[in-house]
Amino acid sequence: RNTNKIELSDLPSSKLLHMEWVNEHNFQCYR
């Protein structure tokens, strides 16, 4: 069972939050 896939499909806002986290993480890594 791919619960992660279902979660992302069910909650588009979750994907948005994830993208924000990735952007922040990358910013801190490459600063």
PDB file of N, CA and C in Angstrom:
ATOM      1  N   ARG A   1       0.834  -1.217   0.000  1.00  0.00           N
ATOM      2  CA  ARG A   1       0.000   0.000   0.000  1.00  0.00           C
ATOM      3  C   ARG A   1       0.862   1.258   0.000  1.00  0.00           C
ATOM      4  N   ASN A   2       0.580   2.170  -0.918  1.00  0.00           N
ATOM      5  CA  ASN A   2       1.317   3.434  -0.967  1.00  0.00           C
ATOM      6  C   ASN A   2       0.499   4.528  -0.289  1.00  0.00           C
ATOM      7  N   THR A   3       0.622   4.602   1.012  1.00  0.00           N
ATOM      8  CA  THR A   3      -0.163   5.605   1.743  1.00  0.00           C
ATOM      9  C   THR A   3       0.324   7.007   1.421  1.00  0.00           C
ATOM     10  N   ASN A   4       1.629   7.144   1.190  1.00  0.00           N
ATOM     11  CA  ASN A   4       2.167   8.463   0.872  1.00  0.00           C
ATOM     12  C   ASN A   4       1.534   9.018  -0.392  1.00  0.00           C
ATOM     13  N   LYS A   5       1.425   8.175  -1.400  1.00  0.00           N
ATOM     14  CA  LYS A   5       0.841   8.606  -2.668  1.00  0.00           C
ATOM     15  C   LYS A   5      -0.603   9.048  -2.451  1.00  0.00           C
ATOM     16  N   ILE A   6      -1.331   8.263  -1.676  1.00  0.00           N
ATOM     17  CA  ILE A   6      -2.735   8.591  -1.409  1.00  0.00           C
ATOM     18  C   ILE A   6      -2.832   9.919  -0.653  1.00  0.00           C
ATOM     19  N   GLU A   7      -1.966  10.097   0.312  1.00  0.00           N
ATOM     20  CA  GLU A   7      -1.995  11.333   1.095  1.00  0.00           C
ATOM     21  C   GLU A   7      -1.753  12.540   0.197  1.00  0.00           C
ATOM     22  N   LEU A   8      -0.741  12.438  -0.649  1.00  0.00           N
ATOM     23  CA  LEU A   8      -0.432  13.560  -1.535  1.00  0.00           C
ATOM     24  C   LEU A   8      -1.590  13.828  -2.481  1.00  0.00           C
ATOM     25  N   SER A   9      -2.227  12.764  -2.956  1.00  0.00           N
ATOM     26  CA  SER A   9      -3.345  12.945  -3.878  1.00  0.00           C
ATOM     27  C   SER A   9      -4.542  13.545  -3.147  1.00  0.00           C
ATOM     28  N   ASP A  10      -4.747  13.126  -1.916  1.00  0.00           N
ATOM     29  CA  ASP A  10      -5.893  13.608  -1.156  1.00  0.00           C
ATOM     30  C   ASP A  10      -5.699  15.056  -0.714  1.00  0.00           C
ATOM     31  N   LEU A  11      -4.464  15.408  -0.374  1.00  0.00           N
ATOM     32  CA  LEU A  11      -4.223  16.743   0.163  1.00  0.00           C
ATOM     33  C   LEU A  11      -3.247  17.514  -0.711  1.00  0.00           C
ATOM     34  N   PRO A  12      -3.745  18.290  -1.640  1.00  0.00           N
ATOM     35  CA  PRO A  12      -2.870  19.108  -2.479  1.00  0.00           C
ATOM     36  C   PRO A  12      -2.085  20.111  -1.630  1.00  0.00           C
ATOM     37  N   SER A  13      -2.704  20.597  -0.577  1.00  0.00           N
ATOM     38  CA  SER A  13      -2.025  21.567   0.291  1.00  0.00           C
ATOM     39  C   SER A  13      -0.796  20.928   0.938  1.00  0.00           C
ATOM     40  N   SER A  14      -0.879  19.625   1.194  1.00  0.00           N
ATOM     41  CA  SER A  14       0.266  18.920   1.776  1.00  0.00           C
ATOM     42  C   SER A  14       1.450  18.983   0.823  1.00  0.00           C
ATOM     43  N   LYS A  15       1.170  18.807  -0.459  1.00  0.00           N
ATOM     44  CA  LYS A  15       2.227  18.876  -1.468  1.00  0.00           C
ATOM     45  C   LYS A  15       2.833  20.279  -1.481  1.00  0.00           C
ATOM     46  N   LEU A  16       1.977  21.273  -1.344  1.00  0.00           N
ATOM     47  CA  LEU A  16       2.459  22.657  -1.316  1.00  0.00           C
ATOM     48  C   LEU A  16       3.385  22.855  -0.127  1.00  0.00           C
ATOM     49  N   LEU A  17       2.965  22.355   1.030  1.00  0.00           N
ATOM     50  CA  LEU A  17       3.805  22.480   2.222  1.00  0.00           C
ATOM     51  C   LEU A  17       5.129  21.769   2.010  1.00  0.00           C
ATOM     52  N   HIS A  18       5.083  20.619   1.387  1.00  0.00           N
ATOM     53  CA  HIS A  18       6.304  19.861   1.123  1.00  0.00           C
ATOM     54  C   HIS A  18       7.237  20.668   0.221  1.00  0.00           C
ATOM     55  N   MET A  19       6.692  21.281  -0.811  1.00  0.00           N
ATOM     56  CA  MET A  19       7.508  22.094  -1.714  1.00  0.00           C
ATOM     57  C   MET A  19       8.133  23.252  -0.951  1.00  0.00           C
ATOM     58  N   GLU A  20       7.369  23.864  -0.076  1.00  0.00           N
ATOM     59  CA  GLU A  20       7.916  24.957   0.727  1.00  0.00           C
ATOM     60  C   GLU A  20       9.065  24.458   1.583  1.00  0.00           C
ATOM     61  N   TRP A  21       8.892  23.280   2.178  1.00  0.00           N
ATOM     62  CA  TRP A  21       9.949  22.716   3.022  1.00  0.00           C
ATOM     63  C   TRP A  21      11.194  22.431   2.193  1.00  0.00           C
ATOM     64  N   VAL A  22      10.990  21.873   1.006  1.00  0.00           N
ATOM     65  CA  VAL A  22      12.131  21.561   0.128  1.00  0.00           C
ATOM     66  C   VAL A  22      12.863  22.851  -0.238  1.00  0.00           C
ATOM     67  N   ASN A  23      12.118  23.885  -0.589  1.00  0.00           N
ATOM     68  CA  ASN A  23      12.748  25.159  -0.950  1.00  0.00           C
ATOM     69  C   ASN A  23      13.559  25.702   0.220  1.00  0.00           C
ATOM     70  N   GLU A  24      12.970  25.658   1.396  1.00  0.00           N
ATOM     71  CA  GLU A  24      13.670  26.161   2.575  1.00  0.00           C
ATOM     72  C   GLU A  24      14.917  25.339   2.842  1.00  0.00           C
ATOM     73  N   HIS A  25      14.776  24.021   2.736  1.00  0.00           N
ATOM     74  CA  HIS A  25      15.894  23.119   3.000  1.00  0.00           C
ATOM     75  C   HIS A  25      17.028  23.389   2.011  1.00  0.00           C
ATOM     76  N   ASN A  26      16.686  23.508   0.733  1.00  0.00           N
ATOM     77  CA  ASN A  26      17.703  23.774  -0.285  1.00  0.00           C
ATOM     78  C   ASN A  26      18.381  25.112  -0.022  1.00  0.00           C
ATOM     79  N   PHE A  27      17.592  26.083   0.357  1.00  0.00           N
ATOM     80  CA  PHE A  27      18.139  27.412   0.626  1.00  0.00           C
ATOM     81  C   PHE A  27      19.183  27.331   1.746  1.00  0.00           C
ATOM     82  N   GLN A  28      18.857  26.600   2.798  1.00  0.00           N
ATOM     83  CA  GLN A  28      19.785  26.475   3.923  1.00  0.00           C
ATOM     84  C   GLN A  28      21.027  25.691   3.510  1.00  0.00           C
ATOM     85  N   CYS A  29      20.842  24.691   2.644  1.00  0.00           N
ATOM     86  CA  CYS A  29      21.976  23.854   2.248  1.00  0.00           C
ATOM     87  C   CYS A  29      22.940  24.625   1.350  1.00  0.00           C
ATOM     88  N   TYR A  30      22.400  25.425   0.441  1.00  0.00           N
ATOM     89  CA  TYR A  30      23.247  26.069  -0.570  1.00  0.00           C
ATOM     90  C   TYR A  30      23.566  27.520  -0.207  1.00  0.00           C
ATOM     91  N   ARG A  31      23.188  27.932   0.983  1.00  0.00           N
ATOM     92  CA  ARG A  31      23.415  29.327   1.356  1.00  0.00           C
ATOM     93  C   ARG A  31      24.903  29.595   1.437  1.00  0.00           C
TER      94      ARG A  31
END
